[in-house]
C-alpha cells in the first residue's frame, strides 16, 4: 500500500483572453486583489490558433498569462474557476462592449511536472473535481521541455507560451526549495 503524503504547493496561473487591452489590466487588478500579488506576467500575445471564440468574443483576440506569488494547494483549484466566471460576468456588466463575452479568464496551475487547466466542460480526458469543475493536464514537463498531448490546445503548444511556463516552473522550484 502506498503512503499518503501532502502534495507540494503549486503556482496559480490565469490565462486572460480578450480583444480589449483594458481587460488585461482589469483582470490583473481583480485577480491580484483576491489571489495575491502577481509575480510574473507574460507579454500580450496575438491569439490566432482558433476561431472558436470569434462568435462570442469578436476577432483580433489577444492572450496573456499571469502567475501569482502565493503558492496554493492544488485541491483548491476548482474554486478559482467559479471566481473567474464571476469576474467575467462582472467585467461584462461594468462595460458596454457589444460581445456576449468580452473576456475569458481560465485559471490553472503549474507544478514541477505539469500545467493543469480547469474548465466547466466535460470531455473524455478531463477529470471531475467538484461543483461542476473539471481539470485536465494540458502540458507535462518531461526531458527538460513541455510536452503536449493529443488534446492540448494549439496555442499551448507554442514555444513562446511554453517559454513563459518554464519561467513559472523555475520560480516555483526556487520557492519550494527556499520555503
Protein backbone atom coordinates (compact mmCIF):
# COMPACT_ATOMS: atom_id res chain seq x y z
CA UNK A 1 0.00 0.00 0.00
CA UNK A 2 1.29 3.45 -0.91
CA UNK A 3 1.92 6.03 1.75
CA UNK A 4 -0.31 9.11 1.64
CA UNK A 5 1.68 12.34 1.65
CA UNK A 6 0.86 16.02 1.32
CA UNK A 7 1.21 17.42 -2.19
CA UNK A 8 3.74 20.18 -2.71
CA UNK A 9 2.15 23.58 -3.30
CA UNK A 10 1.65 24.72 -6.89
CA UNK A 11 1.80 28.02 -8.75
CA UNK A 12 -1.59 29.52 -9.57
CA UNK A 13 -1.80 31.00 -13.05
CA UNK A 14 -4.53 32.57 -15.16
CA UNK A 15 -4.91 32.90 -18.92
CA UNK A 16 -6.73 36.06 -19.99
CA UNK A 17 -8.22 36.31 -23.48
CA UNK A 18 -9.87 39.44 -24.87
CA UNK A 19 -9.76 41.90 -27.71
CA UNK A 20 -9.79 44.80 -25.21
CA UNK A 21 -6.49 45.83 -23.66
CA UNK A 22 -8.35 47.22 -20.64
CA UNK A 23 -9.45 43.65 -19.86
CA UNK A 24 -5.88 42.61 -19.07
CA UNK A 25 -5.30 45.38 -16.53
CA UNK A 26 -8.76 44.87 -15.03
CA UNK A 27 -8.18 41.15 -14.57
CA UNK A 28 -4.73 41.65 -13.08
CA UNK A 29 -6.15 44.10 -10.53
CA UNK A 30 -9.20 41.97 -9.74
CA UNK A 31 -7.34 38.67 -9.51
CA UNK A 32 -4.47 40.27 -7.63
CA UNK A 33 -6.90 41.53 -5.01
CA UNK A 34 -8.28 38.01 -4.43
CA UNK A 35 -5.42 35.68 -5.30
CA UNK A 36 -2.45 37.79 -4.19
CA UNK A 37 0.39 39.65 -5.81
CA UNK A 38 1.26 38.89 -9.39
CA UNK A 39 4.81 37.61 -9.63
CA UNK A 40 5.03 37.07 -13.40
CA UNK A 41 3.18 38.40 -16.44
CA UNK A 42 3.68 37.23 -19.99
CA UNK A 43 3.65 39.58 -22.93
CA UNK A 44 0.23 40.06 -24.51
CA UNK A 45 0.26 37.58 -27.39
CA UNK A 46 -1.84 37.51 -30.55
CA UNK A 47 -4.32 34.64 -30.23
CA UNK A 48 -4.62 33.25 -33.75
CA UNK A 49 -4.73 29.47 -33.39
CA UNK A 50 -8.50 29.08 -33.47
CA UNK A 51 -11.67 30.91 -34.42
CA UNK A 52 -13.67 29.09 -31.73
CA UNK A 53 -14.21 32.28 -29.71
CA UNK A 54 -14.87 34.73 -32.56
CA UNK A 55 -18.68 34.40 -32.41
CA UNK A 56 -18.86 35.22 -28.70
CA UNK A 57 -15.74 37.38 -28.24
CA UNK A 58 -15.05 39.05 -31.59
CA UNK A 59 -11.90 38.92 -33.67
CA UNK A 60 -8.34 40.20 -33.16
CA UNK A 61 -8.13 38.40 -29.82
CA UNK A 62 -5.09 38.65 -27.54
CA UNK A 63 -3.96 36.40 -24.70
CA UNK A 64 -1.84 36.97 -21.61
CA UNK A 65 -0.79 34.78 -18.70
CA UNK A 66 -0.28 35.92 -15.14
CA UNK A 67 1.19 33.96 -12.22
CA UNK A 68 0.65 34.66 -8.54
CA UNK A 69 3.25 34.87 -5.79
CA UNK A 70 1.28 32.89 -3.21
CA UNK A 71 1.52 29.15 -3.80
CA UNK A 72 -1.67 27.12 -3.39
CA UNK A 73 -2.80 23.62 -2.53
CA UNK A 74 -3.80 22.07 -5.89
CA UNK A 75 -7.02 20.81 -4.28
CA UNK A 76 -8.18 24.45 -4.12
CA UNK A 77 -8.12 24.98 -7.89
CA UNK A 78 -11.83 24.31 -8.55
CA UNK A 79 -12.89 27.40 -6.60
CA UNK A 80 -10.76 29.62 -8.79
CA UNK A 81 -12.87 28.75 -11.84
CA UNK A 82 -16.05 29.80 -10.04
CA UNK A 83 -14.36 33.11 -9.14
CA UNK A 84 -13.09 33.70 -12.67
CA UNK A 85 -16.55 33.02 -14.15
CA UNK A 86 -17.99 35.58 -11.74
CA UNK A 87 -15.33 38.10 -12.76
CA UNK A 88 -16.17 37.55 -16.44
CA UNK A 89 -19.80 38.47 -15.67
CA UNK A 90 -18.66 41.50 -13.63
CA UNK A 91 -16.45 42.76 -16.45
CA UNK A 92 -19.29 42.47 -18.95
CA UNK A 93 -21.75 44.29 -16.68
CA UNK A 94 -19.26 47.08 -15.89
CA UNK A 95 -18.55 47.78 -19.57
CA UNK A 96 -20.64 48.31 -22.67
CA UNK A 97 -18.85 46.06 -25.12
CA UNK A 98 -21.05 44.53 -27.84
CA UNK A 99 -19.70 40.97 -27.49
CA UNK A 100 -21.52 38.36 -25.41
CA UNK A 101 -18.22 37.50 -23.76
CA UNK A 102 -15.70 40.35 -23.87
CA UNK A 103 -13.26 38.47 -21.63
CA UNK A 104 -12.29 34.87 -20.89
CA UNK A 105 -10.34 34.05 -17.72
CA UNK A 106 -9.01 30.50 -17.41
CA UNK A 107 -7.24 29.63 -14.16
CA UNK A 108 -4.90 26.72 -13.71
CA UNK A 109 -1.69 25.77 -12.02
CA UNK A 110 1.87 24.77 -12.72
CA UNK A 111 3.57 22.05 -10.71
CA UNK A 112 7.06 20.73 -11.28
CA UNK A 113 5.54 18.03 -13.52
CA UNK A 114 2.60 19.61 -15.32
CA UNK A 115 0.36 22.51 -16.30
CA UNK A 116 -3.26 21.91 -15.31
CA UNK A 117 -6.24 23.95 -16.52
CA UNK A 118 -9.73 23.92 -15.05
CA UNK A 119 -12.94 24.20 -17.03
CA UNK A 120 -16.69 23.73 -16.83
CA UNK A 121 -16.68 21.49 -19.92
CA UNK A 122 -16.52 17.72 -19.60
CA UNK A 123 -14.55 15.70 -22.17
CA UNK A 124 -13.07 12.20 -22.22
CA UNK A 125 -9.65 13.37 -20.99
CA UNK A 126 -10.89 15.56 -18.12
CA UNK A 127 -11.37 14.58 -14.51
CA UNK A 128 -14.31 15.86 -12.49
CA UNK A 129 -13.21 17.78 -9.39
CA UNK A 130 -16.25 19.28 -7.67
CA UNK A 131 -19.12 21.73 -8.13
CA UNK A 132 -19.23 21.42 -11.93
CA UNK A 133 -15.48 21.89 -12.46
CA UNK A 134 -13.18 19.59 -14.42
CA UNK A 135 -9.39 19.53 -14.68
CA UNK A 136 -7.05 18.49 -17.45
CA UNK A 137 -3.32 18.08 -17.69
CA UNK A 138 -2.72 20.40 -20.63
CA UNK A 139 1.07 20.01 -20.73
CA UNK A 140 3.54 17.87 -18.88
CA UNK A 141 7.21 18.57 -18.24
CA UNK A 142 9.50 15.83 -19.46
CA UNK A 143 13.11 15.79 -20.53
CA UNK A 144 13.58 19.50 -19.72
CA UNK A 145 10.74 20.55 -22.01
CA UNK A 146 6.97 20.87 -22.11
CA UNK A 147 5.22 18.04 -23.93
CA UNK A 148 1.70 18.25 -25.27
CA UNK A 149 -0.96 15.58 -25.59
CA UNK A 150 -3.40 14.97 -28.43
CA UNK A 151 -5.98 17.23 -26.74
CA UNK A 152 -3.66 20.11 -25.84
CA UNK A 153 -4.99 23.39 -27.23
CA UNK A 154 -2.89 24.53 -30.23
CA UNK A 155 -1.88 27.81 -28.59
CA UNK A 156 -0.47 25.98 -25.55
CA UNK A 157 1.87 24.17 -27.96
CA UNK A 158 3.52 27.49 -28.89
CA UNK A 159 7.18 27.95 -27.94
CA UNK A 160 6.59 31.48 -26.61
CA UNK A 161 3.78 30.31 -24.30
CA UNK A 162 5.90 27.41 -23.12
CA UNK A 163 8.83 29.75 -22.50
CA UNK A 164 6.66 31.65 -20.04
CA UNK A 165 5.52 28.39 -18.40
CA UNK A 166 9.16 27.37 -17.99
CA UNK A 167 9.89 30.67 -16.21
CA UNK A 168 6.93 29.98 -13.93
CA UNK A 169 8.08 26.43 -13.25
CA UNK A 170 11.56 27.69 -12.35
CA UNK A 171 10.06 30.28 -9.99
CA UNK A 172 8.01 27.52 -8.34
CA UNK A 173 11.06 25.27 -7.93
CA UNK A 174 13.02 28.09 -6.29
CA UNK A 175 10.14 28.88 -3.95
CA UNK A 176 9.73 25.24 -2.92
CA UNK A 177 13.46 24.94 -2.33
CA UNK A 178 13.61 28.07 -0.13
CA UNK A 179 10.26 27.93 1.73
